């Protein structure tokens, strides 16, 4: 990863190393649950509900679909 979509300049080697480590930690965190999933909200800052409400809504819809499918024994997709 040499450049993020929300940055104007390429990342330094140190920043690239940090980004790789951060990605690994976030992926490991998602795998802590059998139903964990990492969702990346491109073109967003820390206020994802304000910057990308569509990402939040879609994630919530996925959760609701999965819960409904489990209660009926059907596949969510």
Protein backbone atom coordinates (compact mmCIF):
# COMPACT_ATOMS: atom_id res chain seq x y z
CA UNK A 1 0.00 0.00 0.00
CA UNK A 2 1.76 3.14 -1.14
CA UNK A 3 -1.02 5.68 -1.16
CA UNK A 4 -4.40 5.95 0.50
CA UNK A 5 -7.36 7.30 -1.43
CA UNK A 6 -7.91 10.03 1.18
CA UNK A 7 -4.34 11.34 1.07
CA UNK A 8 -2.74 13.60 -1.51
CA UNK A 9 0.83 12.31 -1.12
CA UNK A 10 2.36 8.82 -0.99
CA UNK A 11 3.02 7.31 2.42
CA UNK A 12 6.55 7.16 3.79
CA UNK A 13 8.09 3.71 4.38
CA UNK A 14 7.35 4.08 8.10
CA UNK A 15 3.73 5.00 7.42
CA UNK A 16 3.43 2.05 5.02
CA UNK A 17 4.74 -0.28 7.73
CA UNK A 18 2.29 1.16 10.24
CA UNK A 19 -0.60 0.74 7.76
CA UNK A 20 0.34 -2.92 7.16
CA UNK A 21 0.46 -3.56 10.92
CA UNK A 22 -2.84 -1.76 11.44
CA UNK A 23 -4.50 -3.78 8.66
CA UNK A 24 -3.26 -7.01 10.26
CA UNK A 25 -4.60 -5.98 13.68
CA UNK A 26 -8.00 -5.02 12.25
CA UNK A 27 -8.26 -8.32 10.36
CA UNK A 28 -7.29 -10.26 13.49
CA UNK A 29 -9.89 -8.33 15.47
CA UNK A 30 -12.62 -9.24 12.97
CA UNK A 31 -11.63 -12.91 13.22
CA UNK A 32 -12.17 -12.94 17.00
CA UNK A 33 -15.84 -13.63 16.31
CA UNK A 34 -17.12 -16.44 14.12
CA UNK A 35 -19.37 -13.84 12.49
CA UNK A 36 -16.88 -10.97 12.56
CA UNK A 37 -16.43 -8.93 9.41
CA UNK A 38 -14.23 -5.98 8.61
CA UNK A 39 -15.90 -3.20 6.67
CA UNK A 40 -13.78 -0.42 5.20
CA UNK A 41 -15.52 2.90 4.67
CA UNK A 42 -13.51 4.49 1.85
CA UNK A 43 -13.52 8.28 1.65
CA UNK A 44 -14.45 8.58 5.31
CA UNK A 45 -12.84 9.93 8.42
CA UNK A 46 -13.52 8.90 12.01
CA UNK A 47 -17.13 10.04 11.82
CA UNK A 48 -18.30 7.24 9.55
CA UNK A 49 -22.03 7.69 10.34
CA UNK A 50 -21.77 11.28 9.09
CA UNK A 51 -19.28 10.74 6.26
CA UNK A 52 -20.64 7.45 4.90
CA UNK A 53 -24.06 6.66 6.36
CA UNK A 54 -24.62 4.24 3.48
CA UNK A 55 -21.86 1.98 4.81
CA UNK A 56 -23.43 1.95 8.28
CA UNK A 57 -26.92 1.27 6.90
CA UNK A 58 -25.66 -1.58 4.70
CA UNK A 59 -23.79 -3.16 7.63
CA UNK A 60 -26.90 -2.96 9.80
CA UNK A 61 -29.02 -4.47 7.03
CA UNK A 62 -26.56 -7.36 6.78
CA UNK A 63 -26.87 -7.97 10.52
CA UNK A 64 -30.68 -7.87 10.42
CA UNK A 65 -30.73 -10.23 7.42
CA UNK A 66 -28.43 -12.67 9.20
CA UNK A 67 -30.50 -12.62 12.39
CA UNK A 68 -33.74 -13.12 10.46
CA UNK A 69 -32.20 -15.95 8.43
CA UNK A 70 -30.97 -17.69 11.58
CA UNK A 71 -34.40 -17.45 13.16
CA UNK A 72 -36.05 -18.99 10.08
CA UNK A 73 -33.23 -21.40 9.20
CA UNK A 74 -32.71 -19.78 5.79
CA UNK A 75 -29.49 -18.51 4.24
CA UNK A 76 -29.16 -14.69 4.54
CA UNK A 77 -28.31 -14.29 0.82
